[in-house]
Amino acid sequence: MPKRVLTGIIVSDKADKTVVVNVERKVKHPLYGKIIRRSKKYHAHDEANEYKAGEMVRIEETKPISKLKTWAVIDRVDTHKAPLAAKTDAEMSAEEAAAAEAGAA
């Protein structure tokens, strides 16, 4: 049986060798027929700690690595289609400083 492959966005990379990937799917409501979004978070193995939050990646099902990890990151997907990543504290403070300078000038 082939391994399942899912595509999602990394929401956390804080743990060592682990990333949390949010996978979203669209399903039709059984009674009303409206298309609704369902999401689930998967813990995936990232051996080299090379993937960061906000990147879109593909994950593959593997044998259990730990209590929560049964997925591994395969590769990155084209990031132009991914939504904006969460800004880091440094980026936010740089934007605030630029806004303060613009307001003072």
PDB file of N, CA and C in Angstrom:
ATOM      1  N   MET A   1       0.837  -1.172   0.000  1.00  0.00           N
ATOM      2  CA  MET A   1       0.000   0.000   0.000  1.00  0.00           C
ATOM      3  C   MET A   1       0.888   1.244   0.000  1.00  0.00           C
ATOM      4  N   PRO A   2       0.605   2.223  -0.862  1.00  0.00           N
ATOM      5  CA  PRO A   2       1.454   3.416  -0.921  1.00  0.00           C
ATOM      6  C   PRO A   2       1.280   4.292   0.315  1.00  0.00           C
ATOM      7  N   LYS A   3       2.328   5.057   0.608  1.00  0.00           N
ATOM      8  CA  LYS A   3       2.283   5.958   1.756  1.00  0.00           C
ATOM      9  C   LYS A   3       1.470   7.185   1.387  1.00  0.00           C
ATOM     10  N   ARG A   4       0.712   7.686   2.349  1.00  0.00           N
ATOM     11  CA  ARG A   4      -0.073   8.904   2.113  1.00  0.00           C
ATOM     12  C   ARG A   4       0.859  10.112   2.094  1.00  0.00           C
ATOM     13  N   VAL A   5       0.561  11.073   1.219  1.00  0.00           N
ATOM     14  CA  VAL A   5       1.320  12.322   1.129  1.00  0.00           C
ATOM     15  C   VAL A   5       0.330  13.469   1.259  1.00  0.00           C
ATOM     16  N   LEU A   6       0.613  14.399   2.186  1.00  0.00           N
ATOM     17  CA  LEU A   6      -0.240  15.557   2.409  1.00  0.00           C
ATOM     18  C   LEU A   6       0.567  16.838   2.229  1.00  0.00           C
ATOM     19  N   THR A   7      -0.129  17.920   1.925  1.00  0.00           N
ATOM     20  CA  THR A   7       0.512  19.224   1.766  1.00  0.00           C
ATOM     21  C   THR A   7      -0.075  20.180   2.788  1.00  0.00           C
ATOM     22  N   GLY A   8       0.803  20.928   3.474  1.00  0.00           N
ATOM     23  CA  GLY A   8       0.324  21.867   4.477  1.00  0.00           C
ATOM     24  C   GLY A   8       1.353  22.934   4.793  1.00  0.00           C
ATOM     25  N   ILE A   9       0.992  23.802   5.706  1.00  0.00           N
ATOM     26  CA  ILE A   9       1.843  24.926   6.082  1.00  0.00           C
ATOM     27  C   ILE A   9       2.386  24.688   7.487  1.00  0.00           C
ATOM     28  N   ILE A  10       3.675  24.932   7.664  1.00  0.00           N
ATOM     29  CA  ILE A  10       4.302  24.756   8.975  1.00  0.00           C
ATOM     30  C   ILE A  10       3.842  25.882   9.891  1.00  0.00           C
ATOM     31  N   VAL A  11       3.295  25.504  11.042  1.00  0.00           N
ATOM     32  CA  VAL A  11       2.843  26.505  12.006  1.00  0.00           C
ATOM     33  C   VAL A  11       3.794  26.632  13.184  1.00  0.00           C
ATOM     34  N   SER A  12       4.663  25.629  13.396  1.00  0.00           N
ATOM     35  CA  SER A  12       5.626  25.703  14.488  1.00  0.00           C
ATOM     36  C   SER A  12       6.865  24.892  14.138  1.00  0.00           C
ATOM     37  N   ASP A  13       8.030  25.469  14.465  1.00  0.00           N
ATOM     38  CA  ASP A  13       9.295  24.754  14.260  1.00  0.00           C
ATOM     39  C   ASP A  13      10.151  24.841  15.532  1.00  0.00           C
ATOM     40  N   LYS A  14       9.501  25.004  16.673  1.00  0.00           N
ATOM     41  CA  LYS A  14      10.222  25.242  17.917  1.00  0.00           C
ATOM     42  C   LYS A  14      10.874  23.987  18.493  1.00  0.00           C
ATOM     43  N   ALA A  15      10.292  22.830  18.268  1.00  0.00           N
ATOM     44  CA  ALA A  15      10.858  21.592  18.807  1.00  0.00           C
ATOM     45  C   ALA A  15      12.055  21.141  17.975  1.00  0.00           C
ATOM     46  N   ASP A  16      12.957  20.390  18.586  1.00  0.00           N
ATOM     47  CA  ASP A  16      14.138  19.900  17.888  1.00  0.00           C
ATOM     48  C   ASP A  16      13.749  18.754  16.959  1.00  0.00           C
ATOM     49  N   LYS A  17      14.112  18.873  15.688  1.00  0.00           N
ATOM     50  CA  LYS A  17      13.859  17.855  14.654  1.00  0.00           C
ATOM     51  C   LYS A  17      12.381  17.571  14.436  1.00  0.00           C
ATOM     52  N   THR A  18      11.520  18.506  14.810  1.00  0.00           N
ATOM     53  CA  THR A  18      10.080  18.331  14.632  1.00  0.00           C
ATOM     54  C   THR A  18       9.457  19.630  14.153  1.00  0.00           C
ATOM     55  N   VAL A  19       8.525  19.526  13.212  1.00  0.00           N
ATOM     56  CA  VAL A  19       7.724  20.673  12.792  1.00  0.00           C
ATOM     57  C   VAL A  19       6.255  20.276  12.915  1.00  0.00           C
ATOM     58  N   VAL A  20       5.407  21.268  13.159  1.00  0.00           N
ATOM     59  CA  VAL A  20       3.971  21.037  13.207  1.00  0.00           C
ATOM     60  C   VAL A  20       3.386  21.602  11.922  1.00  0.00           C
ATOM     61  N   VAL A  21       2.706  20.746  11.167  1.00  0.00           N
ATOM     62  CA  VAL A  21       2.185  21.118   9.856  1.00  0.00           C
ATOM     63  C   VAL A  21       0.665  21.135   9.923  1.00  0.00           C
ATOM     64  N   ASN A  22       0.061  22.254   9.508  1.00  0.00           N
ATOM     65  CA  ASN A  22      -1.390  22.389   9.456  1.00  0.00           C
ATOM     66  C   ASN A  22      -1.852  22.017   8.049  1.00  0.00           C
ATOM     67  N   VAL A  23      -2.634  20.949   7.942  1.00  0.00           N
ATOM     68  CA  VAL A  23      -3.139  20.481   6.653  1.00  0.00           C
ATOM     69  C   VAL A  23      -4.624  20.819   6.586  1.00  0.00           C
ATOM     70  N   GLU A  24      -5.009  21.513   5.515  1.00  0.00           N
ATOM     71  CA  GLU A  24      -6.391  21.933   5.358  1.00  0.00           C
ATOM     72  C   GLU A  24      -7.027  21.179   4.203  1.00  0.00           C
ATOM     73  N   ARG A  25      -8.275  20.759   4.390  1.00  0.00           N
ATOM     74  CA  ARG A  25      -8.990  20.087   3.315  1.00  0.00           C
ATOM     75  C   ARG A  25     -10.386  20.682   3.229  1.00  0.00           C
ATOM     76  N   LYS A  26     -11.010  20.548   2.072  1.00  0.00           N
ATOM     77  CA  LYS A  26     -12.354  21.066   1.875  1.00  0.00           C
ATOM     78  C   LYS A  26     -13.299  19.886   1.692  1.00  0.00           C
ATOM     79  N   VAL A  27     -14.393  19.894   2.451  1.00  0.00           N
ATOM     80  CA  VAL A  27     -15.380  18.826   2.370  1.00  0.00           C
ATOM     81  C   VAL A  27     -16.770  19.427   2.182  1.00  0.00           C
ATOM     82  N   LYS A  28     -17.632  18.651   1.617  1.00  0.00           N
ATOM     83  CA  LYS A  28     -19.007  19.090   1.419  1.00  0.00           C
ATOM     84  C   LYS A  28     -19.834  18.686   2.634  1.00  0.00           C
ATOM     85  N   HIS A  29     -20.597  19.625   3.178  1.00  0.00           N
ATOM     86  CA  HIS A  29     -21.442  19.333   4.332  1.00  0.00           C
ATOM     87  C   HIS A  29     -22.473  18.282   3.935  1.00  0.00           C
ATOM     88  N   PRO A  30     -22.652  17.242   4.762  1.00  0.00           N
ATOM     89  CA  PRO A  30     -23.524  16.144   4.349  1.00  0.00           C
ATOM     90  C   PRO A  30     -24.993  16.532   4.142  1.00  0.00           C
ATOM     91  N   LEU A  31     -25.493  17.508   4.894  1.00  0.00           N
ATOM     92  CA  LEU A  31     -26.900  17.886   4.775  1.00  0.00           C
ATOM     93  C   LEU A  31     -27.091  19.129   3.903  1.00  0.00           C
ATOM     94  N   TYR A  32     -26.293  20.175   4.164  1.00  0.00           N
ATOM     95  CA  TYR A  32     -26.524  21.455   3.502  1.00  0.00           C
ATOM     96  C   TYR A  32     -25.772  21.608   2.187  1.00  0.00           C
ATOM     97  N   GLY A  33     -24.758  20.804   1.960  1.00  0.00           N
ATOM     98  CA  GLY A  33     -24.051  20.854   0.684  1.00  0.00           C
ATOM     99  C   GLY A  33     -23.023  21.958   0.565  1.00  0.00           C
ATOM    100  N   LYS A  34     -22.881  22.790   1.582  1.00  0.00           N
ATOM    101  CA  LYS A  34     -21.898  23.870   1.529  1.00  0.00           C
ATOM    102  C   LYS A  34     -20.491  23.288   1.680  1.00  0.00           C
ATOM    103  N   ILE A  35     -19.542  23.859   0.953  1.00  0.00           N
ATOM    104  CA  ILE A  35     -18.148  23.435   1.066  1.00  0.00           C
ATOM    105  C   ILE A  35     -17.556  24.104   2.298  1.00  0.00           C
ATOM    106  N   ILE A  36     -17.046  23.294   3.223  1.00  0.00           N
ATOM    107  CA  ILE A  36     -16.457  23.829   4.445  1.00  0.00           C
ATOM    108  C   ILE A  36     -15.014  23.363   4.573  1.00  0.00           C
ATOM    109  N   ARG A  37     -14.208  24.142   5.293  1.00  0.00           N
ATOM    110  CA  ARG A  37     -12.792  23.819   5.478  1.00  0.00           C
ATOM    111  C   ARG A  37     -12.595  23.085   6.794  1.00  0.00           C
ATOM    112  N   ARG A  38     -11.830  22.025   6.726  1.00  0.00           N
ATOM    113  CA  ARG A  38     -11.438  21.275   7.915  1.00  0.00           C
ATOM    114  C   ARG A  38      -9.923  21.252   7.956  1.00  0.00           C
ATOM    115  N   SER A  39      -9.345  21.431   9.139  1.00  0.00           N
ATOM    116  CA  SER A  39      -7.892  21.427   9.249  1.00  0.00           C
ATOM    117  C   SER A  39      -7.457  20.517  10.382  1.00  0.00           C
ATOM    118  N   LYS A  40      -6.249  20.003  10.250  1.00  0.00           N
ATOM    119  CA  LYS A  40      -5.676  19.138  11.270  1.00  0.00           C
ATOM    120  C   LYS A  40      -4.182  19.390  11.315  1.00  0.00           C
ATOM    121  N   LYS A  41      -3.613  19.317  12.513  1.00  0.00           N
ATOM    122  CA  LYS A  41      -2.174  19.528  12.675  1.00  0.00           C
ATOM    123  C   LYS A  41      -1.476  18.180  12.813  1.00  0.00           C
ATOM    124  N   TYR A  42      -0.369  18.030  12.106  1.00  0.00           N
ATOM    125  CA  TYR A  42       0.437  16.821  12.162  1.00  0.00           C
ATOM    126  C   TYR A  42       1.841  17.173  12.621  1.00  0.00           C
ATOM    127  N   HIS A  43       2.418  16.361  13.497  1.00  0.00           N
ATOM    128  CA  HIS A  43       3.814  16.511  13.891  1.00  0.00           C
ATOM    129  C   HIS A  43       4.634  15.712  12.893  1.00  0.00           C
ATOM    130  N   ALA A  44       5.609  16.369  12.251  1.00  0.00           N
ATOM    131  CA  ALA A  44       6.407  15.710  11.224  1.00  0.00           C
ATOM    132  C   ALA A  44       7.889  15.811  11.564  1.00  0.00           C
ATOM    133  N   HIS A  45       8.635  14.777  11.183  1.00  0.00           N
ATOM    134  CA  HIS A  45      10.066  14.702  11.463  1.00  0.00           C
ATOM    135  C   HIS A  45      10.844  15.560  10.463  1.00  0.00           C
ATOM    136  N   ASP A  46      11.750  16.396  10.984  1.00  0.00           N
ATOM    137  CA  ASP A  46      12.616  17.262  10.177  1.00  0.00           C
ATOM    138  C   ASP A  46      14.037  17.062  10.690  1.00  0.00           C
ATOM    139  N   GLU A  47      14.739  16.099  10.133  1.00  0.00           N
ATOM    140  CA  GLU A  47      16.042  15.664  10.647  1.00  0.00           C
ATOM    141  C   GLU A  47      17.051  16.798  10.770  1.00  0.00           C
ATOM    142  N   ALA A  48      17.136  17.671   9.759  1.00  0.00           N
ATOM    143  CA  ALA A  48      18.179  18.702   9.738  1.00  0.00           C
ATOM    144  C   ALA A  48      17.706  20.051  10.266  1.00  0.00           C
ATOM    145  N   ASN A  49      16.494  20.147  10.774  1.00  0.00           N
ATOM    146  CA  ASN A  49      15.923  21.428  11.221  1.00  0.00           C
ATOM    147  C   ASN A  49      16.015  22.492  10.135  1.00  0.00           C
ATOM    148  N   GLU A  50      15.719  22.128   8.897  1.00  0.00           N
ATOM    149  CA  GLU A  50      15.884  23.060   7.782  1.00  0.00           C
ATOM    150  C   GLU A  50      14.610  23.792   7.394  1.00  0.00           C
ATOM    151  N   TYR A  51      13.466  23.375   7.903  1.00  0.00           N
ATOM    152  CA  TYR A  51      12.201  24.008   7.530  1.00  0.00           C
ATOM    153  C   TYR A  51      11.756  24.971   8.623  1.00  0.00           C
ATOM    154  N   LYS A  52      11.200  26.111   8.213  1.00  0.00           N
ATOM    155  CA  LYS A  52      10.800  27.158   9.150  1.00  0.00           C
ATOM    156  C   LYS A  52       9.299  27.400   9.081  1.00  0.00           C
ATOM    157  N   ALA A  53       8.760  28.061  10.081  1.00  0.00           N
ATOM    158  CA  ALA A  53       7.332  28.366  10.145  1.00  0.00           C
ATOM    159  C   ALA A  53       6.919  29.218   8.954  1.00  0.00           C
ATOM    160  N   GLY A  54       5.754  28.914   8.400  1.00  0.00           N
ATOM    161  CA  GLY A  54       5.230  29.663   7.260  1.00  0.00           C
ATOM    162  C   GLY A  54       5.507  29.022   5.920  1.00  0.00           C
ATOM    163  N   GLU A  55       6.399  28.045   5.868  1.00  0.00           N
ATOM    164  CA  GLU A  55       6.709  27.384   4.601  1.00  0.00           C
ATOM    165  C   GLU A  55       5.677  26.311   4.297  1.00  0.00           C
ATOM    166  N   MET A  56       5.374  26.142   3.015  1.00  0.00           N
ATOM    167  CA  MET A  56       4.468  25.085   2.594  1.00  0.00           C
ATOM    168  C   MET A  56       5.304  23.858   2.244  1.00  0.00           C
ATOM    169  N   VAL A  57       4.953  22.720   2.844  1.00  0.00           N
ATOM    170  CA  VAL A  57       5.739  21.501   2.664  1.00  0.00           C
ATOM    171  C   VAL A  57       4.830  20.313   2.362  1.00  0.00           C
ATOM    172  N   ARG A  58       5.446  19.248   1.865  1.00  0.00           N
ATOM    173  CA  ARG A  58       4.761  17.976   1.680  1.00  0.00           C
ATOM    174  C   ARG A  58       5.264  17.024   2.748  1.00  0.00           C
ATOM    175  N   ILE A  59       4.347  16.295   3.383  1.00  0.00           N
ATOM    176  CA  ILE A  59       4.732  15.328   4.403  1.00  0.00           C
ATOM    177  C   ILE A  59       4.271  13.941   3.977  1.00  0.00           C
ATOM    178  N   GLU A  60       5.035  12.941   4.408  1.00  0.00           N
ATOM    179  CA  GLU A  60       4.759  11.563   4.022  1.00  0.00           C
ATOM    180  C   GLU A  60       4.597  10.710   5.274  1.00  0.00           C
ATOM    181  N   GLU A  61       3.671   9.787   5.218  1.00  0.00           N
ATOM    182  CA  GLU A  61       3.431   8.882   6.326  1.00  0.00           C
ATOM    183  C   GLU A  61       4.619   7.936   6.495  1.00  0.00           C
ATOM    184  N   THR A  62       5.047   7.715   7.743  1.00  0.00           N
ATOM    185  CA  THR A  62       6.175   6.827   8.026  1.00  0.00           C
ATOM    186  C   THR A  62       5.819   5.929   9.208  1.00  0.00           C
ATOM    187  N   LYS A  63       6.742   5.058   9.556  1.00  0.00           N
ATOM    188  CA  LYS A  63       6.546   4.262  10.773  1.00  0.00           C
ATOM    189  C   LYS A  63       6.646   5.214  11.967  1.00  0.00           C
ATOM    190  N   PRO A  64       6.072   4.877  13.107  1.00  0.00           N
ATOM    191  CA  PRO A  64       6.109   5.783  14.258  1.00  0.00           C
ATOM    192  C   PRO A  64       7.538   6.127  14.681  1.00  0.00           C
ATOM    193  N   ILE A  65       7.800   7.432  14.798  1.00  0.00           N
ATOM    194  CA  ILE A  65       9.111   7.919  15.210  1.00  0.00           C
ATOM    195  C   ILE A  65       9.088   8.237  16.707  1.00  0.00           C
ATOM    196  N   SER A  66       7.961   8.747  17.183  1.00  0.00           N
ATOM    197  CA  SER A  66       7.772   9.012  18.607  1.00  0.00           C
ATOM    198  C   SER A  66       6.281   8.910  18.894  1.00  0.00           C
ATOM    199  N   LYS A  67       5.878   9.344  20.065  1.00  0.00           N
ATOM    200  CA  LYS A  67       4.467   9.232  20.450  1.00  0.00           C
ATOM    201  C   LYS A  67       3.544   9.961  19.473  1.00  0.00           C
ATOM    202  N   LEU A  68       3.933  11.148  19.049  1.00  0.00           N
ATOM    203  CA  LEU A  68       3.089  11.956  18.160  1.00  0.00           C
ATOM    204  C   LEU A  68       3.534  11.949  16.701  1.00  0.00           C
ATOM    205  N   LYS A  69       4.805  11.633  16.442  1.00  0.00           N
ATOM    206  CA  LYS A  69       5.335  11.746  15.078  1.00  0.00           C
ATOM    207  C   LYS A  69       5.213  10.443  14.298  1.00  0.00           C
ATOM    208  N   THR A  70       4.366  10.477  13.265  1.00  0.00           N
ATOM    209  CA  THR A  70       4.294   9.357  12.325  1.00  0.00           C
ATOM    210  C   THR A  70       4.369   9.881  10.897  1.00  0.00           C
ATOM    211  N   TRP A  71       4.857  11.102  10.741  1.00  0.00           N
ATOM    212  CA  TRP A  71       5.005  11.736   9.435  1.00  0.00           C
ATOM    213  C   TRP A  71       6.412  12.300   9.319  1.00  0.00           C
ATOM    214  N   ALA A  72       6.892  12.436   8.085  1.00  0.00           N
ATOM    215  CA  ALA A  72       8.213  13.031   7.835  1.00  0.00           C
ATOM    216  C   ALA A  72       8.076  14.035   6.698  1.00  0.00           C
ATOM    217  N   VAL A  73       8.823  15.129   6.783  1.00  0.00           N
ATOM    218  CA  VAL A  73       8.789  16.153   5.734  1.00  0.00           C
ATOM    219  C   VAL A  73       9.566  15.638   4.532  1.00  0.00           C
ATOM    220  N   ILE A  74       8.954  15.737   3.346  1.00  0.00           N
ATOM    221  CA  ILE A  74       9.626  15.312   2.111  1.00  0.00           C
ATOM    222  C   ILE A  74      10.381  16.486   1.496  1.00  0.00           C
ATOM    223  N   ASP A  75       9.637  17.557   1.193  1.00  0.00           N
ATOM    224  CA  ASP A  75      10.249  18.710   0.528  1.00  0.00           C
ATOM    225  C   ASP A  75       9.339  19.929   0.621  1.00  0.00           C
ATOM    226  N   ARG A  76       9.881  21.059   0.160  1.00  0.00           N
ATOM    227  CA  ARG A  76       9.122  22.305   0.106  1.00  0.00           C
ATOM    228  C   ARG A  76       8.244  22.308  -1.139  1.00  0.00           C
ATOM    229  N   VAL A  77       7.137  23.051  -1.050  1.00  0.00           N
ATOM    230  CA  VAL A  77       6.269  23.290  -2.192  1.00  0.00           C
ATOM    231  C   VAL A  77       6.464  24.754  -2.563  1.00  0.00           C
ATOM    232  N   ASP A  78       6.128  25.122  -3.782  1.00  0.00           N
ATOM    233  CA  ASP A  78       6.280  26.501  -4.238  1.00  0.00           C
ATOM    234  C   ASP A  78       5.684  27.459  -3.211  1.00  0.00           C
ATOM    235  N   THR A  79       6.518  28.320  -2.633  1.00  0.00           N
ATOM    236  CA  THR A  79       6.072  29.187  -1.535  1.00  0.00           C
ATOM    237  C   THR A  79       5.289  30.403  -2.008  1.00  0.00           C
ATOM    238  N   HIS A  80       5.247  30.666  -3.309  1.00  0.00           N
ATOM    239  CA  HIS A  80       4.501  31.830  -3.791  1.00  0.00           C
ATOM    240  C   HIS A  80       3.011  31.664  -3.539  1.00  0.00           C
ATOM    241  N   LYS A  81       2.545  30.424  -3.436  1.00  0.00           N
ATOM    242  CA  LYS A  81       1.131  30.172  -3.244  1.00  0.00           C
ATOM    243  C   LYS A  81       0.753  30.107  -1.769  1.00  0.00           C
ATOM    244  N   ALA A  82       1.747  30.021  -0.882  1.00  0.00           N
ATOM    245  CA  ALA A  82       1.471  29.911   0.552  1.00  0.00           C
ATOM    246  C   ALA A  82       1.042  31.262   1.112  1.00  0.00           C
ATOM    247  N   PRO A  83       0.151  31.264   2.103  1.00  0.00           N
ATOM    248  CA  PRO A  83      -0.219  32.530   2.731  1.00  0.00           C
ATOM    249  C   PRO A  83       0.964  33.126   3.478  1.00  0.00           C
ATOM    250  N   LEU A  84       0.836  34.375   3.832  1.00  0.00           N
ATOM    251  CA  LEU A  84       1.929  35.071   4.505  1.00  0.00           C
ATOM    252  C   LEU A  84       2.299  34.378   5.803  1.00  0.00           C
ATOM    253  N   ALA A  85       3.585  34.249   6.013  1.00  0.00           N
ATOM    254  CA  ALA A  85       4.083  33.605   7.229  1.00  0.00           C
ATOM    255  C   ALA A  85       3.942  34.568   8.400  1.00  0.00           C
ATOM    256  N   ALA A  86       3.885  34.015   9.574  1.00  0.00           N
ATOM    257  CA  ALA A  86       3.839  34.838  10.776  1.00  0.00           C
ATOM    258  C   ALA A  86       5.151  35.611  10.889  1.00  0.00           C
ATOM    259  N   LYS A  87       5.045  36.885  11.218  1.00  0.00           N
ATOM    260  CA  LYS A  87       6.244  37.714  11.305  1.00  0.00           C
ATOM    261  C   LYS A  87       6.983  37.443  12.603  1.00  0.00           C
ATOM    262  N   THR A  88       8.305  37.502  12.533  1.00  0.00           N
ATOM    263  CA  THR A  88       9.112  37.321  13.728  1.00  0.00           C
ATOM    264  C   THR A  88       9.143  38.623  14.514  1.00  0.00           C
ATOM    265  N   ASP A  89       9.612  38.556  15.749  1.00  0.00           N
ATOM    266  CA  ASP A  89       9.688  39.748  16.593  1.00  0.00           C
ATOM    267  C   ASP A  89      10.596  40.806  15.976  1.00  0.00           C
ATOM    268  N   ALA A  90      11.703  40.382  15.356  1.00  0.00           N
ATOM    269  CA  ALA A  90      12.636  41.332  14.748  1.00  0.00           C
ATOM    270  C   ALA A  90      11.980  42.068  13.584  1.00  0.00           C
ATOM    271  N   GLU A  91      11.218  41.349  12.753  1.00  0.00           N
ATOM    272  CA  GLU A  91      10.546  41.998  11.631  1.00  0.00           C
ATOM    273  C   GLU A  91       9.494  42.981  12.121  1.00  0.00           C
ATOM    274  N   MET A  92       8.755  42.604  13.177  1.00  0.00           N
ATOM    275  CA  MET A  92       7.729  43.486  13.700  1.00  0.00           C
ATOM    276  C   MET A  92       8.338  44.746  14.296  1.00  0.00           C
ATOM    277  N   SER A  93       9.442  44.622  15.049  1.00  0.00           N
ATOM    278  CA  SER A  93      10.055  45.786  15.654  1.00  0.00           C
ATOM    279  C   SER A  93      10.690  46.679  14.588  1.00  0.00           C
ATOM    280  N   ALA A  94      11.199  46.103  13.506  1.00  0.00           N
ATOM    281  CA  ALA A  94      11.764  46.902  12.413  1.00  0.00           C
ATOM    282  C   ALA A  94      10.662  47.697  11.732  1.00  0.00           C
ATOM    283  N   GLU A  95       9.480  47.099  11.552  1.00  0.00           N
ATOM    284  CA  GLU A  95       8.369  47.813  10.949  1.00  0.00           C
ATOM    285  C   GLU A  95       7.854  48.925  11.860  1.00  0.00           C
ATOM    286  N   GLU A  96       7.818  48.671  13.161  1.00  0.00           N
ATOM    287  CA  GLU A  96       7.378  49.682  14.109  1.00  0.00           C
ATOM    288  C   GLU A  96       8.350  50.858  14.121  1.00  0.00           C
ATOM    289  N   ALA A  97       9.653  50.564  14.040  1.00  0.00           N
ATOM    290  CA  ALA A  97      10.655  51.629  14.021  1.00  0.00           C
ATOM    291  C   ALA A  97      10.515  52.466  12.749  1.00  0.00           C
ATOM    292  N   ALA A  98      10.268  51.810  11.635  1.00  0.00           N
ATOM    293  CA  ALA A  98      10.094  52.534  10.366  1.00  0.00           C
ATOM    294  C   ALA A  98       8.834  53.399  10.418  1.00  0.00           C
ATOM    295  N   ALA A  99       7.778  52.882  11.030  1.00  0.00           N
ATOM    296  CA  ALA A  99       6.547  53.650  11.151  1.00  0.00           C
ATOM    297  C   ALA A  99       6.739  54.850  12.071  1.00  0.00           C
ATOM    298  N   ALA A 100       7.523  54.676  13.139  1.00  0.00           N
ATOM    299  CA  ALA A 100       7.779  55.790  14.064  1.00  0.00           C
ATOM    300  C   ALA A 100       8.591  56.886  13.383  1.00  0.00           C
ATOM    301  N   GLU A 101       9.588  56.475  12.558  1.00  0.00           N
ATOM    302  CA  GLU A 101      10.386  57.460  11.833  1.00  0.00           C
ATOM    303  C   GLU A 101       9.538  58.214  10.835  1.00  0.00           C
ATOM    304  N   ALA A 102       8.623  57.520  10.166  1.00  0.00           N
ATOM    305  CA  ALA A 102       7.754  58.172   9.189  1.00  0.00           C
ATOM    306  C   ALA A 102       6.814  59.148   9.881  1.00  0.00           C
ATOM    307  N   GLY A 103       6.350  58.788  11.059  1.00  0.00           N
ATOM    308  CA  GLY A 103       5.453  59.666  11.825  1.00  0.00           C
ATOM    309  C   GLY A 103       6.178  60.879  12.377  1.00  0.00           C
ATOM    310  N   ALA A 104       7.459  60.726  12.741  1.00  0.00           N
ATOM    311  CA  ALA A 104       8.241  61.824  13.303  1.00  0.00           C
ATOM    312  C   ALA A 104       8.682  62.795  12.219  1.00  0.00           C
ATOM    313  N   ALA A 105       8.862  62.319  11.003  1.00  0.00           N
ATOM    314  CA  ALA A 105       9.354  63.174   9.919  1.00  0.00           C
ATOM    315  C   ALA A 105       8.295  64.058   9.330  1.00  0.00           C
TER     316      ALA A 105
END
